[in-house]
Amino acid sequence: MPYRAIAFLLLFLARSVFGQTASSDSSFLAMAQNQAVHAYENALIDRSHLYNGHEYIQHDYRVKVHPFFATDSLQSGSITYNGIAYHDVLMLYDVVRDELAIKMPETIFRIRPHSQQISTFSFGPYQFARIVGDSAAGVRTGFYQVLHGGRIQVLAKRIKTVHEDISGGFYKANYLVKDRYFIVKDGVYHEVKKKRSVLALFPGQTAPLKKYLRANQIKFNEQREQAITAIVQQYETLTH
């Protein structure tokens, strides 16, 4: 069926269903129309090259902890691949290998799309962007979670490394988590670890930023990720 016919049919069905509800329920019509437009966009996009990667190979089964970010269950999300946005893609982010694993439709196979062609991806509340490395700042090329995307950015580099132990006479392994955090201010990447290194980026606002953390009971050593993000957000509020 031609794509225009698909879109017309979906819109017609949306309006028909809407006609069976109260005329004041305009939000239902808007939702139905958005779903129709979304379906039409998906129909227009040829997804074949998104799945033209290499097969995703599972990690060593002896490592009991999963290598993925947040969850080991496939999540529906979006990918910007070669400049084209694809929605409703089932995916996992492999932190150990710093790559995506996406499920091919109607199969059990998972594919590794070419990372260099991915500019952004997201699932649930999590957003990631591919950053080209800056050796001077100690930033390596890869995917970074965007914790705050305002005038000043806060990025997290998720890291899991394999820790092996054979001291007991048999093989044991686990993944060690050691995330890194960066603040991007005026186009420059600054890795931050302690409260002092964060506040040093905002001279003149140190006192009100400390006061903000205390007022909101945010303890830097215990809530580092939340504290870094909160400081940047509050700084933007104070200097908007």
Protein backbone atom coordinates (compact mmCIF):
# COMPACT_ATOMS: atom_id res chain seq x y z
CA MET A 1 0.00 0.00 0.00
CA PRO A 2 1.43 3.47 -0.87
CA TYR A 3 2.69 5.42 2.12
CA ARG A 4 0.24 8.29 1.54
CA ALA A 5 -2.61 5.80 1.61
CA ILE A 6 -1.27 4.35 4.87
CA ALA A 7 -1.12 7.77 6.46
CA PHE A 8 -4.61 8.69 5.21
CA LEU A 9 -6.06 5.44 6.53
CA LEU A 10 -4.45 5.88 9.95
CA LEU A 11 -5.70 9.45 10.24
CA PHE A 12 -9.16 8.37 9.13
CA LEU A 13 -9.27 5.66 11.78
CA ALA A 14 -8.08 8.10 14.42
CA ARG A 15 -10.85 10.56 13.54
CA SER A 16 -13.43 7.78 13.44
CA VAL A 17 -12.56 6.62 16.93
CA PHE A 18 -12.54 10.21 18.12
CA GLY A 19 -16.04 10.67 16.72
CA GLN A 20 -17.29 8.01 19.11
CA THR A 21 -16.08 9.95 22.15
CA ALA A 22 -17.09 13.22 23.69
CA SER A 23 -16.46 16.17 21.39
CA SER A 24 -14.59 18.00 24.15
CA ASP A 25 -11.91 15.33 24.34
CA SER A 26 -9.51 17.07 21.96
CA SER A 27 -6.50 15.53 23.68
CA PHE A 28 -7.56 12.09 22.44
CA LEU A 29 -7.64 13.33 18.84
CA ALA A 30 -4.22 14.90 19.22
CA MET A 31 -2.83 11.66 20.61
CA ALA A 32 -4.37 9.60 17.81
CA GLN A 33 -3.06 11.97 15.16
CA ASN A 34 0.43 11.89 16.67
CA GLN A 35 0.37 8.10 16.63
CA ALA A 36 -0.71 8.14 12.99
CA VAL A 37 2.04 10.55 12.00
CA HIS A 38 4.57 8.45 13.93
CA ALA A 39 3.45 5.31 12.11
CA TYR A 40 3.67 7.15 8.79
CA GLU A 41 7.23 8.30 9.52
CA ASN A 42 8.24 4.75 10.39
CA ALA A 43 6.73 3.52 7.14
CA LEU A 44 8.77 6.03 5.16
CA ILE A 45 12.10 5.05 6.70
CA ASP A 46 14.02 2.13 5.26
CA ARG A 47 15.41 0.42 8.36
CA SER A 48 17.45 -2.19 6.55
CA HIS A 49 20.79 -0.39 6.86
CA LEU A 50 20.27 0.14 10.61
CA TYR A 51 20.45 -3.64 11.02
CA ASN A 52 23.41 -4.00 8.64
CA GLY A 53 25.97 -4.49 11.42
CA HIS A 54 27.78 -7.41 12.97
CA GLU A 55 26.18 -10.02 15.18
CA TYR A 56 26.32 -9.16 18.87
CA ILE A 57 28.31 -11.79 20.79
CA GLN A 58 27.40 -12.51 24.41
CA HIS A 59 29.96 -12.01 27.17
CA ASP A 60 31.52 -14.83 29.18
CA TYR A 61 28.60 -16.65 30.82
CA ARG A 62 30.67 -17.18 33.97
CA VAL A 63 30.36 -13.47 34.83
CA LYS A 64 27.06 -13.39 36.67
CA VAL A 65 26.55 -9.61 36.68
CA HIS A 66 25.30 -8.20 33.38
CA PRO A 67 27.48 -5.79 31.31
CA PHE A 68 24.67 -3.43 30.34
CA PHE A 69 23.57 -0.01 31.51
CA ALA A 70 20.62 0.14 33.93
CA THR A 71 19.02 -3.17 32.89
CA ASP A 72 19.66 -6.40 31.01
CA SER A 73 16.15 -6.39 29.52
CA LEU A 74 15.64 -5.05 26.01
CA GLN A 75 14.34 -1.49 26.04
CA SER A 76 12.39 0.34 23.34
CA GLY A 77 14.20 3.51 22.37
CA SER A 78 15.38 5.82 19.63
CA ILE A 79 18.61 5.99 17.62
CA THR A 80 19.93 8.70 15.33
CA TYR A 81 21.88 6.71 12.75
CA ASN A 82 23.53 8.39 9.76
CA GLY A 83 21.48 11.48 10.55
CA ILE A 84 18.14 9.64 10.49
CA ALA A 85 16.04 9.14 13.63
CA TYR A 86 14.68 5.63 14.21
CA HIS A 87 12.08 5.03 16.90
CA ASP A 88 10.78 1.95 18.69
CA VAL A 89 14.07 0.08 18.39
CA LEU A 90 14.68 -2.66 20.95
CA MET A 91 18.13 -2.12 22.41
CA LEU A 92 20.66 -2.60 25.19
CA TYR A 93 23.72 -0.47 25.87
CA ASP A 94 26.76 -2.65 26.55
CA VAL A 95 28.88 -0.51 28.89
CA VAL A 96 31.86 -2.89 28.91
CA ARG A 97 32.29 -2.72 25.13
CA ASP A 98 30.76 0.76 24.75
CA GLU A 99 28.40 -0.38 22.01
CA LEU A 100 24.72 -0.87 21.33
CA ALA A 101 23.04 -4.21 20.84
CA ILE A 102 19.75 -3.97 18.94
CA LYS A 103 17.27 -6.74 18.29
CA MET A 104 16.39 -7.51 14.71
CA PRO A 105 12.62 -7.47 14.11
CA GLU A 106 10.91 -10.85 14.28
CA THR A 107 14.13 -12.67 15.17
CA ILE A 108 16.08 -13.52 18.31
CA PHE A 109 19.30 -12.10 16.90
CA ARG A 110 21.00 -8.96 18.18
CA ILE A 111 23.08 -6.73 15.95
CA ARG A 112 25.88 -4.25 16.74
CA PRO A 113 25.19 -1.20 14.57
CA HIS A 114 28.31 0.72 13.58
CA SER A 115 29.05 2.99 16.53
CA GLN A 116 30.65 5.71 14.42
CA GLN A 117 27.34 6.15 12.59
CA ILE A 118 25.36 6.68 15.80
CA SER A 119 25.15 10.29 17.00
CA THR A 120 22.55 9.82 19.76
CA PHE A 121 20.38 7.15 21.32
CA SER A 122 17.92 7.08 24.18
CA PHE A 123 15.64 4.75 26.10
CA GLY A 124 13.46 5.42 29.11
CA PRO A 125 14.75 8.58 30.83
CA TYR A 126 18.32 8.02 29.62
CA GLN A 127 19.93 9.99 26.78
CA PHE A 128 23.34 9.32 25.26
CA ALA A 129 25.47 11.09 22.69
CA ARG A 130 28.61 10.00 20.86
CA ILE A 131 31.50 12.31 21.70
CA VAL A 132 34.65 12.51 19.61
CA GLY A 133 37.62 12.34 21.95
CA ASP A 134 39.74 15.23 23.18
CA SER A 135 43.13 13.86 24.23
CA ALA A 136 44.13 17.13 25.87
CA ALA A 137 41.17 16.87 28.25
CA GLY A 138 41.49 13.12 28.72
CA VAL A 139 38.20 12.51 26.91
CA ARG A 140 38.07 9.36 24.85
CA THR A 141 35.76 8.81 21.91
CA GLY A 142 32.59 6.96 22.84
CA PHE A 143 29.08 7.22 24.19
CA TYR A 144 28.38 9.57 27.10
CA GLN A 145 25.18 9.93 29.06
CA VAL A 146 23.82 13.46 28.93
CA LEU A 147 22.86 14.27 32.52
CA HIS A 148 22.21 17.92 31.73
CA GLY A 149 22.05 19.40 28.26
CA GLY A 150 21.73 23.10 28.96
CA ARG A 151 24.06 26.01 28.29
CA ILE A 152 26.62 24.06 30.30
CA GLN A 153 26.56 20.28 29.79
CA VAL A 154 27.06 17.53 32.32
CA LEU A 155 28.20 14.19 30.87
CA ALA A 156 28.79 10.81 32.45
CA LYS A 157 31.11 8.22 30.94
CA ARG A 158 29.77 4.88 32.11
CA ILE A 159 32.53 2.35 32.67
CA LYS A 160 32.49 -1.33 33.59
CA THR A 161 35.67 -3.38 33.61
CA VAL A 162 36.12 -7.10 34.17
CA HIS A 163 37.71 -8.13 37.47
CA GLU A 164 38.92 -11.72 37.49
CA ASP A 165 39.80 -13.78 40.55
CA ILE A 166 41.29 -17.29 40.54
CA SER A 167 42.79 -17.14 44.03
CA GLY A 168 40.35 -19.71 45.38
CA GLY A 169 41.35 -22.31 42.83
CA PHE A 170 38.44 -21.64 40.50
CA TYR A 171 37.47 -18.82 38.18
CA LYS A 172 35.36 -15.92 39.47
CA ALA A 173 34.69 -12.67 37.67
CA ASN A 174 32.69 -9.52 38.16
CA TYR A 175 32.30 -6.09 36.61
CA LEU A 176 33.71 -3.11 38.43
CA VAL A 177 31.89 0.21 37.96
CA LYS A 178 33.97 3.37 37.78
CA ASP A 179 32.05 6.20 36.16
CA ARG A 180 33.67 9.49 35.12
CA TYR A 181 31.97 12.89 35.03
CA PHE A 182 32.62 15.88 32.78
CA ILE A 183 31.35 19.43 32.70
CA VAL A 184 31.48 21.07 29.27
CA LYS A 185 31.77 24.83 29.70
CA ASP A 186 32.48 27.20 26.80
CA GLY A 187 33.31 24.18 24.66
CA VAL A 188 35.99 22.90 27.05
CA TYR A 189 35.76 19.52 28.79
CA HIS A 190 36.55 19.47 32.49
CA GLU A 191 36.66 16.16 34.36
CA VAL A 192 35.30 16.66 37.87
CA LYS A 193 35.70 14.33 40.83
CA LYS A 194 35.34 16.37 44.01
CA LYS A 195 33.11 19.25 45.03
CA ARG A 196 36.11 21.56 44.97
CA SER A 197 36.82 20.80 41.29
CA VAL A 198 33.18 21.50 40.36
CA LEU A 199 32.90 24.79 42.26
CA ALA A 200 36.22 25.99 40.83
CA LEU A 201 34.51 26.22 37.43
CA PHE A 202 32.03 28.78 38.75
CA PRO A 203 34.00 31.52 40.50
CA GLY A 204 31.85 34.19 42.12
CA GLN A 205 29.00 31.76 42.78
CA THR A 206 30.68 29.38 45.22
CA ALA A 207 28.83 30.57 48.32
CA PRO A 208 25.28 30.46 46.85
CA LEU A 209 25.97 27.08 45.24
CA LYS A 210 27.13 25.59 48.54
CA LYS A 211 24.08 27.08 50.22
CA TYR A 212 21.85 25.48 47.56
CA LEU A 213 23.31 22.02 48.23
CA ARG A 214 22.82 22.42 51.98
CA ALA A 215 19.24 23.69 51.59
CA ASN A 216 18.36 20.68 49.44
CA GLN A 217 20.29 18.22 51.63
CA ILE A 218 22.46 17.05 48.73
CA LYS A 219 25.67 15.53 50.06
CA PHE A 220 28.37 15.53 47.41
CA ASN A 221 30.31 12.51 48.63
CA GLU A 222 27.16 10.38 48.84
CA GLN A 223 25.28 11.76 45.82
CA ARG A 224 28.04 12.84 43.48
CA GLU A 225 26.11 12.53 40.23
CA GLN A 226 23.07 14.35 41.58
CA ALA A 227 25.25 17.02 43.21
CA ILE A 228 27.23 17.80 40.04
CA THR A 229 24.05 18.12 38.02
CA ALA A 230 22.34 20.23 40.68
CA ILE A 231 25.28 22.65 40.90
CA VAL A 232 25.30 23.23 37.14
CA GLN A 233 21.53 23.65 36.95
CA GLN A 234 21.54 26.12 39.84
CA TYR A 235 24.45 28.06 38.32
CA GLU A 236 22.49 28.46 35.09
CA THR A 237 19.51 29.68 37.11
CA LEU A 238 21.64 32.22 38.95
CA THR A 239 23.31 33.54 35.78
CA HIS A 240 20.56 33.31 33.18
